[in-house]
Amino acid sequence: MSNRPTLSPTKQDRPFWESKPLEALDAAEWESLCDGCGRCCLVKLEDEDSGAVHFTDIACRLFNAATCRCADYAHRRRRVRDCLKLTPDLAQALAWLPPTCAYRLRAEGKPLAWWHPLVSGSAETVHTAGISVRGRVAASEREVKLDDYPDHIVRWPTKAPRRAKRSPA
């Protein structure tokens, strides 16, 4: 048994996403918080009466369903009128951000999950855990008539699958 006192980790010992507020992240740190799930790239419908937001299994026209990334990220806001640039303020304000979203989690002071690439060290764990939209996108918004969007409302983007809740280790 050691007589050395147990020290709690210092701010410098913790990873940047745990030690810095969202507002203090540099551009590279901010971008690395994105886990690549693609849930935010799904078309969402807002109920005009209640304000409720409903996810669909229809992806933005720039979304690459195989890679779960934007095909033109640098110019997305010029090409897609309603694409949002996420900011620390929006991460706190947007109630429709999925509960698994790292920006939302950090804005709420919660830790990142085991499958997040910053934690796991692999970009594949977000897919392995079933968090990403890989294999779940029914169509691109270019392929579905606007009147048919309500037929594509799904609930899974607002939930974390069971397998994501426990680390495979």
Protein backbone atom coordinates (compact mmCIF):
# COMPACT_ATOMS: atom_id res chain seq x y z
CA MET A 1 0.00 0.00 0.00
CA SER A 2 1.38 3.35 -1.03
CA ASN A 3 1.55 6.36 1.26
CA ARG A 4 1.46 8.75 -1.70
CA PRO A 5 -1.62 10.93 -1.81
CA THR A 6 -4.02 10.40 -4.70
CA LEU A 7 -4.04 13.44 -6.92
CA SER A 8 -6.96 14.39 -9.07
CA PRO A 9 -6.08 15.06 -12.70
CA THR A 10 -5.15 18.61 -13.59
CA LYS A 11 -6.69 20.49 -16.46
CA GLN A 12 -3.55 19.82 -18.50
CA ASP A 13 -3.90 16.05 -17.92
CA ARG A 14 -7.41 15.96 -19.38
CA PRO A 15 -8.11 15.97 -23.12
CA PHE A 16 -9.05 19.31 -24.67
CA TRP A 17 -12.72 18.37 -25.06
CA GLU A 18 -12.97 17.88 -21.30
CA SER A 19 -10.79 20.76 -20.18
CA LYS A 20 -11.94 23.57 -22.49
CA PRO A 21 -15.36 25.12 -22.88
CA LEU A 22 -16.76 24.97 -26.42
CA GLU A 23 -16.12 28.69 -26.86
CA ALA A 24 -12.37 28.19 -26.26
CA LEU A 25 -11.85 25.47 -28.88
CA ASP A 26 -9.79 26.35 -31.93
CA ALA A 27 -11.12 25.49 -35.40
CA ALA A 28 -9.39 22.08 -35.59
CA GLU A 29 -10.56 21.09 -32.10
CA TRP A 30 -14.11 22.19 -32.91
CA GLU A 31 -14.20 20.17 -36.13
CA SER A 32 -12.76 17.09 -34.40
CA LEU A 33 -15.76 17.04 -32.05
CA CYS A 34 -17.91 15.94 -34.97
CA ASP A 35 -18.18 12.16 -34.69
CA GLY A 36 -19.20 11.71 -38.33
CA CYS A 37 -22.58 10.17 -37.54
CA GLY A 38 -24.47 12.17 -40.19
CA ARG A 39 -27.62 12.53 -38.10
CA CYS A 40 -27.58 16.31 -38.43
CA CYS A 41 -27.50 15.89 -42.24
CA LEU A 42 -30.90 14.19 -42.26
CA VAL A 43 -33.80 16.32 -43.42
CA LYS A 44 -35.92 17.49 -40.51
CA LEU A 45 -39.51 18.64 -40.63
CA GLU A 46 -40.95 21.17 -38.22
CA ASP A 47 -44.58 21.01 -37.23
CA GLU A 48 -45.90 24.53 -37.84
CA ASP A 49 -48.44 24.27 -35.04
CA SER A 50 -46.40 22.69 -32.25
CA GLY A 51 -42.85 23.54 -33.32
CA ALA A 52 -41.88 19.88 -32.87
CA VAL A 53 -39.02 18.74 -35.08
CA HIS A 54 -39.20 15.35 -36.77
CA PHE A 55 -36.25 13.58 -38.35
CA THR A 56 -36.60 11.78 -41.65
CA ASP A 57 -34.45 9.08 -43.25
CA ILE A 58 -33.86 11.46 -46.17
CA ALA A 59 -30.37 12.92 -46.40
CA CYS A 60 -29.24 16.33 -47.59
CA ARG A 61 -28.37 16.36 -51.28
CA LEU A 62 -24.68 16.87 -50.43
CA PHE A 63 -24.52 13.97 -47.98
CA ASN A 64 -22.47 10.94 -48.96
CA ALA A 65 -24.27 8.00 -47.33
CA ALA A 66 -21.27 5.68 -47.74
CA THR A 67 -18.79 7.92 -45.92
CA CYS A 68 -21.31 9.73 -43.68
CA ARG A 69 -19.70 13.03 -44.67
CA CYS A 70 -20.66 16.08 -46.67
CA ALA A 71 -19.54 15.89 -50.29
CA ASP A 72 -18.74 19.63 -50.30
CA TYR A 73 -18.28 20.62 -46.68
CA ALA A 74 -16.28 23.77 -47.43
CA HIS A 75 -19.07 25.21 -49.60
CA ARG A 76 -22.12 23.52 -48.06
CA ARG A 77 -23.74 26.70 -46.82
CA ARG A 78 -23.55 28.30 -50.25
CA ARG A 79 -25.03 25.23 -51.90
CA VAL A 80 -27.65 24.31 -49.28
CA ARG A 81 -29.61 27.33 -48.15
CA ASP A 82 -30.79 25.93 -44.83
CA CYS A 83 -27.52 24.28 -43.77
CA LEU A 84 -26.50 25.60 -40.38
CA LYS A 85 -23.01 26.42 -39.20
CA LEU A 86 -22.97 24.97 -35.71
CA THR A 87 -21.60 27.30 -33.04
CA PRO A 88 -21.27 26.95 -29.27
CA ASP A 89 -24.43 29.04 -28.86
CA LEU A 90 -26.37 26.86 -31.31
CA ALA A 91 -25.06 23.68 -29.65
CA GLN A 92 -26.77 24.88 -26.48
CA ALA A 93 -29.91 26.16 -28.17
CA LEU A 94 -30.84 23.54 -30.77
CA ALA A 95 -33.12 21.07 -29.02
CA TRP A 96 -33.18 18.85 -32.12
CA LEU A 97 -29.48 17.99 -31.95
CA PRO A 98 -29.36 14.23 -31.37
CA PRO A 99 -28.69 13.20 -27.77
CA THR A 100 -25.52 11.45 -28.97
CA CYS A 101 -24.09 14.60 -30.60
CA ALA A 102 -20.71 15.54 -29.10
CA TYR A 103 -21.47 19.25 -29.44
CA ARG A 104 -24.69 18.81 -27.49
CA LEU A 105 -23.06 16.54 -24.90
CA ARG A 106 -20.21 18.97 -24.26
CA ALA A 107 -22.59 21.95 -24.17
CA GLU A 108 -24.46 20.06 -21.44
CA GLY A 109 -21.21 19.25 -19.59
CA LYS A 110 -21.49 15.52 -20.34
CA PRO A 111 -18.62 13.24 -21.39
CA LEU A 112 -18.13 11.80 -24.85
CA ALA A 113 -19.16 8.17 -25.33
CA TRP A 114 -16.71 5.28 -25.81
CA TRP A 115 -17.47 5.11 -29.53
CA HIS A 116 -16.59 8.75 -30.25
CA PRO A 117 -13.45 8.84 -32.45
CA LEU A 118 -11.66 11.16 -30.02
CA VAL A 119 -12.15 8.60 -27.25
CA SER A 120 -11.79 5.36 -29.23
CA GLY A 121 -9.07 6.53 -31.60
CA SER A 122 -11.00 5.15 -34.57
CA ALA A 123 -13.47 6.78 -36.96
CA GLU A 124 -15.17 3.39 -37.38
CA THR A 125 -16.52 3.02 -33.84
CA VAL A 126 -19.35 5.50 -34.51
CA HIS A 127 -20.54 3.07 -37.20
CA THR A 128 -19.87 -0.08 -35.15
CA ALA A 129 -21.91 1.31 -32.28
CA GLY A 130 -24.85 1.99 -34.60
CA ILE A 131 -24.77 5.73 -34.01
CA SER A 132 -24.15 6.74 -37.61
CA VAL A 133 -26.75 6.84 -40.35
CA ARG A 134 -24.71 4.41 -42.46
CA GLY A 135 -27.13 1.93 -44.02
CA ARG A 136 -30.18 3.80 -42.72
CA VAL A 137 -30.62 6.58 -45.27
CA ALA A 138 -33.58 5.80 -47.52
CA ALA A 139 -32.88 8.47 -50.13
CA SER A 140 -31.37 11.82 -50.94
CA GLU A 141 -33.62 14.86 -50.87
CA ARG A 142 -33.17 14.98 -54.66
CA GLU A 143 -34.98 11.64 -54.98
CA VAL A 144 -38.07 12.32 -52.86
CA LYS A 145 -40.93 14.67 -53.63
CA LEU A 146 -41.55 17.26 -50.93
CA ASP A 147 -45.10 16.00 -50.45
CA ASP A 148 -43.70 12.55 -49.62
CA TYR A 149 -41.31 13.75 -46.88
CA PRO A 150 -43.78 13.02 -44.04
CA ASP A 151 -43.81 9.36 -45.14
CA HIS A 152 -40.11 9.24 -44.22
CA ILE A 153 -40.36 10.42 -40.60
CA VAL A 154 -38.31 8.17 -38.30
CA ARG A 155 -37.61 8.20 -34.57
CA TRP A 156 -34.23 6.44 -34.38
CA PRO A 157 -32.07 9.59 -34.82
CA THR A 158 -33.34 10.88 -31.49
CA LYS A 159 -32.19 7.76 -29.63
CA ALA A 160 -28.97 5.89 -28.95
CA PRO A 161 -29.02 2.17 -29.79
CA ARG A 162 -28.44 -0.25 -26.92
CA ARG A 163 -25.12 -1.42 -28.31
CA ALA A 164 -23.83 2.16 -28.15
CA LYS A 165 -24.46 2.37 -24.43
CA ARG A 166 -21.88 -0.23 -23.47
CA SER A 167 -18.30 -0.46 -24.57
CA PRO A 168 -17.35 -3.73 -26.27
CA ALA A 169 -14.18 -3.90 -24.13
